[in-house]
């Protein structure tokens, strides 16, 4: 019968588990003091004694280093800072919305869908505009290019093009970035409407022959 790993073993194999004090398994560790000073390489038992003498913990902060790097610090505060940094990173991750145009679109559809794109940019998301040609529509590239340029102009109150629209095969593509928050001026939404997160309520748009379809993608801010 295969013996199942113990709970402790699974915990140590967890990449998110932080070793501290007597849970540090290396024979020697490189120690950084509470003030950021280098204390040198020593057995973890000796480093734990130093940490405890200051009422602090010895925490492994770089397990893959040779030898592993440990810091003397307040463990509770350290975990809080890690959690805070993770939340901030997730909060600042920007979503990229892709707005898909077709050369032919009714005016009311254009305005309705442009309103959604304005909301996306107002909320700080980047926007990728893509216009796709089908069949003989390639004979009217200028019409498609003018439509994309008009969309950029209509969204200029909340975003600006990163570059000029470019033709790539059967697609015209351009990326828009949101303006600084203090410079954003809404044209198609009230402020209250623009602050509301968009719901996934356009499932029928995937079946429209003409229009602007919106898809979500994730992008981490640099």
Foldseek 3Di string as FASTA:
>chain_A
DDDDDDPVVVLVVDPPRKDKQPRDDDQKEFEAEPVRHTPGIDGSNVVQVVLVVVVWIWIFDAVPDVNTYTYRHHVVVVVVVVVVVVVVQVVQWAKEKEKEFELDDDPVQALVVLLVVLLNLLVFHKYKYKYFYDDPCVVPVVSVLVVVVVSQVQSVLFWHWPDRWDDDPRMTITMIGTDPNVRHDDDRDDPVVSVDDDDPPVPVVVVDPGHIDIDIDIGGDD
